[in-house]
Amino acid sequence: MCVAALPLLSLGLSIAGGVASYQAAKSQADAQNQMYRENARDANKAADNQYAALQHKSIQERNAADQKLFENNIDALRARSQARTSAGEAGVTGLSVNALVNDLWAQQGRRDDATMQNYQTARDDAYAQMDQVKANTQSRINSVQRAKSPSFLPFLIGGISGGLGAFG
C-alpha cells in the first residue's frame, strides 16, 4: 500500500513545487513592476522640479526684459526732451532738430529690438532645456523594465510531468 502511494505523493509534491515556483516568479514580477512604478514616479517628480525651475528662470528673464524696455523708454524720453530743450534754448528749429529726435527714436528702437531678441533667445533656450528634461525623464523611466506576469500553465505542466515520471 505504501509503495503504491509513493507515485501519488511524488505527483502531489511535484505539483506543489510548480505552484511554489509560480508564486516566486509572480512575486518577482510584482516587485519589478513596483520598482518600475516608483522609478517613474520619482523621474516625473524630478522633471516637475526641473520644469518649475526653468519656468521660474523664464519669468525672471521676461521681467528683466520688461524692466530693460521700461528703462530704455525713460532714457530715450529724457534724451529727446534734452535735445528739444537744448535746440529751443539755442534757437534752433526745423529739420536738424527733427533729424536728431528721429535718430533718438531709432536708437531706442534698436535697443528695444536687442532687448527683445535677447529675451527670445533666453526663452528659446528654456524651451530647449524643457525638451531635454522630457527626453531625460523618458529615458530614466525606460531604464527600468516592466515585468510580465508569469503564466501558471507552464508551472502546472512542469509539476505534473515531473510527478508522472514517478509512475513510469
Protein backbone atom coordinates (compact mmCIF):
# COMPACT_ATOMS: atom_id res chain seq x y z
CA MET A 1 0.00 0.00 0.00
CA CYS A 2 2.81 2.44 0.90
CA VAL A 3 4.67 1.69 -2.31
CA ALA A 4 1.55 2.43 -4.40
CA ALA A 5 1.11 5.79 -2.67
CA LEU A 6 4.66 6.98 -3.45
CA PRO A 7 3.92 7.94 -7.09
CA LEU A 8 0.83 9.89 -5.97
CA LEU A 9 2.85 11.57 -3.23
CA SER A 10 5.55 12.40 -5.77
CA LEU A 11 2.92 13.84 -8.14
CA GLY A 12 1.47 15.96 -5.34
CA LEU A 13 4.90 17.23 -4.29
CA SER A 14 5.84 17.98 -7.88
CA ILE A 15 2.63 19.97 -8.42
CA ALA A 16 3.19 21.80 -5.12
CA GLY A 17 6.72 22.63 -6.28
CA GLY A 18 5.28 24.04 -9.52
CA VAL A 19 2.83 26.16 -7.55
CA ALA A 20 5.63 27.43 -5.30
CA SER A 21 7.78 28.26 -8.35
CA TYR A 22 4.86 30.14 -9.91
CA GLN A 23 4.32 32.12 -6.68
CA ALA A 24 8.03 33.03 -6.56
CA ALA A 25 8.00 34.14 -10.22
CA LYS A 26 4.83 36.18 -9.65
CA SER A 27 6.32 37.85 -6.56
CA GLN A 28 9.46 38.70 -8.51
CA ALA A 29 7.38 40.19 -11.36
CA ASP A 30 5.29 42.19 -8.87
CA ALA A 31 8.45 43.53 -7.21
CA GLN A 32 9.92 44.51 -10.59
CA ASN A 33 6.72 46.29 -11.58
CA GLN A 34 6.64 48.11 -8.23
CA MET A 35 10.22 49.25 -8.83
CA TYR A 36 9.17 50.47 -12.30
CA ARG A 37 6.26 52.47 -10.84
CA GLU A 38 8.45 54.03 -8.14
CA ASN A 39 11.14 54.91 -10.68
CA ALA A 40 8.55 56.50 -12.99
CA ARG A 41 7.04 58.47 -10.11
CA ASP A 42 10.48 59.70 -9.00
CA ALA A 43 11.51 60.58 -12.57
CA ASN A 44 8.32 62.57 -13.10
CA LYS A 45 8.73 64.36 -9.77
CA ALA A 46 12.30 65.32 -10.69
CA ALA A 47 11.08 66.53 -14.08
CA ASP A 48 8.37 68.62 -12.43
CA ASN A 49 11.02 70.28 -10.25
CA GLN A 50 13.21 70.98 -13.28
CA TYR A 51 10.25 72.38 -15.23
CA ALA A 52 9.38 74.66 -12.32
CA ALA A 53 12.96 75.95 -12.13
CA LEU A 54 13.07 76.59 -15.87
CA GLN A 55 9.71 78.35 -15.80
CA HIS A 56 10.86 80.49 -12.87
CA LYS A 57 14.01 81.40 -14.79
CA SER A 58 11.91 82.25 -17.86
CA ILE A 59 9.67 84.52 -15.78
CA GLN A 60 12.74 86.26 -14.38
CA GLU A 61 14.10 86.73 -17.91
CA ARG A 62 10.79 88.24 -19.03
CA ASN A 63 10.69 90.56 -16.02
CA ALA A 64 14.26 91.67 -16.72
CA ALA A 65 13.38 92.34 -20.38
CA ASP A 66 10.32 94.35 -19.33
CA GLN A 67 12.44 96.36 -16.91
CA LYS A 68 15.07 96.98 -19.59
CA LEU A 69 12.39 98.13 -22.07
CA PHE A 70 10.99 100.48 -19.43
CA GLU A 71 14.46 101.92 -18.74
CA ASN A 72 15.12 102.25 -22.48
CA ASN A 73 11.89 104.21 -22.81
CA ILE A 74 12.77 106.56 -19.95
CA ASP A 75 16.31 107.11 -21.28
CA ALA A 76 15.01 107.80 -24.78
CA LEU A 77 12.32 110.16 -23.48
CA ARG A 78 14.95 112.02 -21.46
CA ALA A 79 17.29 112.23 -24.46
CA ARG A 80 14.55 113.54 -26.76
CA SER A 81 13.46 116.08 -24.16
CA GLN A 82 17.02 117.27 -23.66
CA ALA A 83 17.55 117.54 -27.40
CA ARG A 84 14.37 119.60 -27.87
CA THR A 85 15.16 121.77 -24.84
CA SER A 86 18.72 122.38 -25.97
CA ALA A 87 17.58 123.18 -29.50
CA GLY A 88 14.92 125.54 -28.17
CA GLU A 89 17.39 127.34 -25.90
CA ALA A 90 19.78 127.69 -28.81
CA GLY A 91 17.02 128.92 -31.08
CA VAL A 92 17.47 126.00 -33.48
CA THR A 93 14.37 124.63 -35.18
CA GLY A 94 13.46 122.71 -38.27
CA LEU A 95 14.83 119.67 -39.98
CA SER A 96 18.03 119.35 -37.97
CA VAL A 97 16.09 119.09 -34.69
CA ASN A 98 13.62 116.66 -36.27
CA ALA A 99 16.52 114.57 -37.60
CA LEU A 100 18.10 114.46 -34.14
CA VAL A 101 14.81 113.42 -32.49
CA ASN A 102 14.20 110.80 -35.17
CA ASP A 103 17.69 109.42 -34.60
CA LEU A 104 16.97 109.17 -30.88
CA TRP A 105 13.76 107.25 -31.70
CA ALA A 106 15.76 104.91 -33.95
CA GLN A 107 18.34 104.34 -31.20
CA GLN A 108 15.56 103.43 -28.77
CA GLY A 109 14.08 101.03 -31.34
CA ARG A 110 17.44 99.30 -31.81
CA ARG A 111 17.93 98.98 -28.04
CA ASP A 112 14.38 97.63 -27.64
CA ASP A 113 14.89 95.16 -30.50
CA ALA A 114 18.14 93.94 -28.95
CA THR A 115 16.44 93.55 -25.57
CA MET A 116 13.58 91.53 -27.09
CA GLN A 117 15.98 89.42 -29.16
CA ASN A 118 17.96 88.58 -26.01
CA TYR A 119 14.75 87.65 -24.21
CA GLN A 120 13.53 85.48 -27.09
CA THR A 121 16.89 83.70 -27.22
CA ALA A 122 16.72 83.01 -23.48
CA ARG A 123 13.11 81.81 -23.84
CA ASP A 124 14.02 79.50 -26.73
CA ASP A 125 16.89 78.13 -24.66
CA ALA A 126 14.48 77.41 -21.80
CA TYR A 127 12.15 75.57 -24.21
CA ALA A 128 15.09 73.50 -25.48
CA GLN A 129 16.04 72.67 -21.90
CA MET A 130 12.44 71.61 -21.21
CA ASP A 131 12.58 69.29 -24.23
CA GLN A 132 15.80 67.83 -22.82
CA VAL A 133 14.15 67.33 -19.42
CA LYS A 134 11.32 65.46 -21.12
CA ALA A 135 13.74 63.22 -23.03
CA ASN A 136 15.83 62.55 -19.91
CA THR A 137 12.71 61.72 -17.92
CA GLN A 138 11.50 59.24 -20.52
CA SER A 139 14.96 57.70 -20.72
CA ARG A 140 15.08 57.33 -16.94
CA ILE A 141 11.65 55.70 -16.91
CA ASN A 142 12.63 53.36 -19.73
CA SER A 143 15.82 52.35 -17.91
CA VAL A 144 13.75 50.12 -15.60
CA GLN A 145 11.90 47.37 -17.39
CA ARG A 146 8.42 46.23 -16.62
CA ALA A 147 7.92 42.54 -15.91
CA LYS A 148 5.26 40.37 -17.46
CA SER A 149 3.18 38.44 -15.01
CA PRO A 150 4.04 34.74 -15.35
CA SER A 151 1.51 32.24 -16.64
CA PHE A 152 0.57 29.47 -14.25
CA LEU A 153 0.18 26.86 -17.00
CA PRO A 154 3.89 26.12 -17.64
CA PHE A 155 4.49 25.64 -13.91
CA LEU A 156 1.50 23.32 -13.63
CA ILE A 157 2.57 21.28 -16.66
CA GLY A 158 6.11 21.05 -15.29
CA GLY A 159 4.81 19.87 -11.93
CA ILE A 160 2.51 17.28 -13.48
CA SER A 161 5.14 15.94 -15.86
CA GLY A 162 7.67 15.69 -13.02
CA GLY A 163 5.14 13.82 -10.90
CA LEU A 164 4.14 11.49 -13.75
CA GLY A 165 7.76 10.48 -14.10
CA ALA A 166 7.35 8.67 -10.79
CA PHE A 167 4.72 6.41 -12.41
CA GLY A 168 6.91 5.37 -15.28
